[in-house]
Amino acid sequence: MLFKKGYTYIMSNKYRTTFYVGVTSELDGRIWQHINNQGSEFVKKYKLYDLVYYEYYERITDAINREKQLKNWHKDWKINLIKSVNPEMKDLKGDLDL
């Protein structure tokens, strides 16, 4: 049986003061939507155009469960998670095929 893959990701503004947690089956396309103002209203409102964190899952249902978990986290917990793999909290969009 084939499963649909998934990603959980975190977007931020250039000052790293606001964060958005999302889920998608196509990370490249979803990030492109966000940076071209076709994504969430929250992302547009707070100019959350930098991809600072993402996780890959073999099954989209696992990515959805992780998104729900991260959305309930405190801001400091999210920052610590991001810094565990991206210590400088730099924009990771360059790692993708946009």
C-alpha atoms as a PDB file:
ATOM      1  CA  MET A   1       0.000   0.000   0.000  1.00  0.00           C
ATOM      2  CA  LEU A   2       1.281   3.455  -0.915  1.00  0.00           C
ATOM      3  CA  PHE A   3       0.949   6.339   1.488  1.00  0.00           C
ATOM      4  CA  LYS A   4       0.986  10.035   0.719  1.00  0.00           C
ATOM      5  CA  LYS A   5       4.106  11.702   2.141  1.00  0.00           C
ATOM      6  CA  GLY A   6       3.919  14.801   4.277  1.00  0.00           C
ATOM      7  CA  TYR A   7       5.859  17.673   5.769  1.00  0.00           C
ATOM      8  CA  THR A   8       5.366  19.709   8.906  1.00  0.00           C
ATOM      9  CA  TYR A   9       7.018  23.121   8.603  1.00  0.00           C
ATOM     10  CA  ILE A  10       7.520  26.410  10.416  1.00  0.00           C
ATOM     11  CA  MET A  11       7.578  29.822   8.746  1.00  0.00           C
ATOM     12  CA  SER A  12       8.765  33.038  10.402  1.00  0.00           C
ATOM     13  CA  ASN A  13       9.210  36.731   9.732  1.00  0.00           C
ATOM     14  CA  LYS A  14      12.626  38.319   9.218  1.00  0.00           C
ATOM     15  CA  TYR A  15      12.839  39.272  12.902  1.00  0.00           C
ATOM     16  CA  ARG A  16      11.943  35.719  14.105  1.00  0.00           C
ATOM     17  CA  THR A  17       9.228  37.089  16.388  1.00  0.00           C
ATOM     18  CA  THR A  18       6.209  35.269  14.940  1.00  0.00           C
ATOM     19  CA  PHE A  19       5.883  31.656  13.807  1.00  0.00           C
ATOM     20  CA  TYR A  20       3.420  29.679  11.706  1.00  0.00           C
ATOM     21  CA  VAL A  21       3.204  25.891  11.821  1.00  0.00           C
ATOM     22  CA  GLY A  22       1.801  24.204   8.734  1.00  0.00           C
ATOM     23  CA  VAL A  23       1.474  20.843   7.040  1.00  0.00           C
ATOM     24  CA  THR A  24       1.594  19.890   3.359  1.00  0.00           C
ATOM     25  CA  SER A  25       2.227  17.000   1.033  1.00  0.00           C
ATOM     26  CA  GLU A  26       4.284  19.198  -1.335  1.00  0.00           C
ATOM     27  CA  LEU A  27       6.682  21.452   0.590  1.00  0.00           C
ATOM     28  CA  ASP A  28       8.139  23.281  -2.419  1.00  0.00           C
ATOM     29  CA  GLY A  29       4.730  24.233  -3.769  1.00  0.00           C
ATOM     30  CA  ARG A  30       3.327  25.248  -0.403  1.00  0.00           C
ATOM     31  CA  ILE A  31       6.277  27.509   0.413  1.00  0.00           C
ATOM     32  CA  TRP A  32       5.979  29.072  -3.047  1.00  0.00           C
ATOM     33  CA  GLN A  33       2.308  29.793  -2.282  1.00  0.00           C
ATOM     34  CA  HIS A  34       3.233  31.444   1.014  1.00  0.00           C
ATOM     35  CA  ILE A  35       5.922  33.713  -0.455  1.00  0.00           C
ATOM     36  CA  ASN A  36       3.586  34.691  -3.312  1.00  0.00           C
ATOM     37  CA  ASN A  37       0.749  35.614  -0.926  1.00  0.00           C
ATOM     38  CA  GLN A  38      -1.387  32.639  -1.905  1.00  0.00           C
ATOM     39  CA  GLY A  39      -1.011  30.911   1.446  1.00  0.00           C
ATOM     40  CA  SER A  40      -2.633  31.500   4.780  1.00  0.00           C
ATOM     41  CA  GLU A  41      -3.977  34.922   5.790  1.00  0.00           C
ATOM     42  CA  PHE A  42      -1.919  34.688   8.992  1.00  0.00           C
ATOM     43  CA  VAL A  43       1.274  34.257   6.938  1.00  0.00           C
ATOM     44  CA  LYS A  44       0.379  37.274   4.801  1.00  0.00           C
ATOM     45  CA  LYS A  45      -0.590  39.460   7.751  1.00  0.00           C
ATOM     46  CA  TYR A  46       2.651  38.862   9.647  1.00  0.00           C
ATOM     47  CA  LYS A  47       4.936  38.529   6.586  1.00  0.00           C
ATOM     48  CA  LEU A  48       6.058  35.012   7.526  1.00  0.00           C
ATOM     49  CA  TYR A  49       8.036  34.305   4.367  1.00  0.00           C
ATOM     50  CA  ASP A  50      11.098  32.495   5.773  1.00  0.00           C
ATOM     51  CA  LEU A  51      11.115  28.732   6.116  1.00  0.00           C
ATOM     52  CA  VAL A  52      13.050  28.048   9.325  1.00  0.00           C
ATOM     53  CA  TYR A  53      12.160  24.400  10.015  1.00  0.00           C
ATOM     54  CA  TYR A  54      10.634  21.335   8.416  1.00  0.00           C
ATOM     55  CA  GLU A  55      10.215  17.625   9.053  1.00  0.00           C
ATOM     56  CA  TYR A  56       9.509  14.895   6.493  1.00  0.00           C
ATOM     57  CA  TYR A  57       7.087  12.028   7.106  1.00  0.00           C
ATOM     58  CA  GLU A  58       6.355   8.930   5.050  1.00  0.00           C
ATOM     59  CA  ARG A  59       2.664   9.387   5.839  1.00  0.00           C
ATOM     60  CA  ILE A  60       0.728  12.640   5.705  1.00  0.00           C
ATOM     61  CA  THR A  61      -1.288  11.544   8.748  1.00  0.00           C
ATOM     62  CA  ASP A  62       1.911  11.562  10.826  1.00  0.00           C
ATOM     63  CA  ALA A  63       2.725  15.072   9.567  1.00  0.00           C
ATOM     64  CA  ILE A  64      -0.792  16.237  10.477  1.00  0.00           C
ATOM     65  CA  ASN A  65      -0.452  14.800  13.988  1.00  0.00           C
ATOM     66  CA  ARG A  66       2.913  16.537  14.414  1.00  0.00           C
ATOM     67  CA  GLU A  67       1.444  19.846  13.195  1.00  0.00           C
ATOM     68  CA  LYS A  68      -1.319  19.594  15.799  1.00  0.00           C
ATOM     69  CA  GLN A  69       1.279  18.901  18.480  1.00  0.00           C
ATOM     70  CA  LEU A  70       3.516  21.831  17.484  1.00  0.00           C
ATOM     71  CA  LYS A  71       0.598  24.267  17.254  1.00  0.00           C
ATOM     72  CA  ASN A  72       0.020  23.651  20.967  1.00  0.00           C
ATOM     73  CA  TRP A  73       3.634  24.340  21.910  1.00  0.00           C
ATOM     74  CA  HIS A  74       4.832  27.527  23.591  1.00  0.00           C
ATOM     75  CA  LYS A  75       6.836  29.902  21.435  1.00  0.00           C
ATOM     76  CA  ASP A  76      10.062  29.157  23.344  1.00  0.00           C
ATOM     77  CA  TRP A  77       9.637  25.426  22.711  1.00  0.00           C
ATOM     78  CA  LYS A  78       9.273  26.082  18.974  1.00  0.00           C
ATOM     79  CA  ILE A  79      12.372  28.290  18.971  1.00  0.00           C
ATOM     80  CA  ASN A  80      14.369  25.583  20.772  1.00  0.00           C
ATOM     81  CA  LEU A  81      13.182  22.981  18.265  1.00  0.00           C
ATOM     82  CA  ILE A  82      14.166  25.187  15.328  1.00  0.00           C
ATOM     83  CA  LYS A  83      17.577  25.956  16.844  1.00  0.00           C
ATOM     84  CA  SER A  84      18.241  22.240  17.445  1.00  0.00           C
ATOM     85  CA  VAL A  85      18.672  21.803  13.674  1.00  0.00           C
ATOM     86  CA  ASN A  86      19.005  25.400  12.476  1.00  0.00           C
ATOM     87  CA  PRO A  87      21.015  27.212  15.207  1.00  0.00           C
ATOM     88  CA  GLU A  88      21.134  30.532  13.339  1.00  0.00           C
ATOM     89  CA  MET A  89      17.450  30.305  12.405  1.00  0.00           C
ATOM     90  CA  LYS A  90      18.326  31.078   8.805  1.00  0.00           C
ATOM     91  CA  ASP A  91      15.876  30.852   5.926  1.00  0.00           C
ATOM     92  CA  LEU A  92      15.944  27.336   4.462  1.00  0.00           C
ATOM     93  CA  LYS A  93      14.056  28.105   1.227  1.00  0.00           C
ATOM     94  CA  GLY A  94      17.361  27.903  -0.662  1.00  0.00           C
ATOM     95  CA  ASP A  95      17.446  24.182   0.169  1.00  0.00           C
ATOM     96  CA  LEU A  96      14.233  23.677  -1.830  1.00  0.00           C
ATOM     97  CA  ASP A  97      13.428  23.633  -5.534  1.00  0.00           C
ATOM     98  CA  LEU A  98      11.245  26.746  -5.786  1.00  0.00           C
END
